[in-house]
């Protein structure tokens, strides 16, 4: 079987994949991109849902910063989980640290924070109480 690594250690398959991506717009199965005839509309992606939720919840004067923060925290992926499983969603809300606020908003389980509108609403409530401090950044 031929080696997929050149003598210098660089993968030989990579240039072919890049060329195929540039020319055809697809990669072989297993790379997570849609193949021919499998186009995905932007309005059907998790990131578009995330942006729509942030725009729905956050006021205009903080919207750009909120979008930057969600991008930093989760890559705009509504189902992101971090902190060893304790942080949820777009804004990586730490469930235990915000339990009383979350309960006051009628949220009963951490999995509800994976909904982008719920997560954006909790993040905005946290922001109204403490500014950007809970995230440790100024987006």
Foldseek 3Di string as FASTA:
>chain_A
DDDQADPVGHGVCVVVQVVCCVPPVDGPPPPPDDDPPRDDDPCPDLLVQLLVLLVVADDPVCSVQLNVQLCVQAVSHLQDADPVRQFGGSNRHRCVVCVVVLVVVVHDDPNVSSRSNSVSNSVVVVCVVPNCVVVPDRD
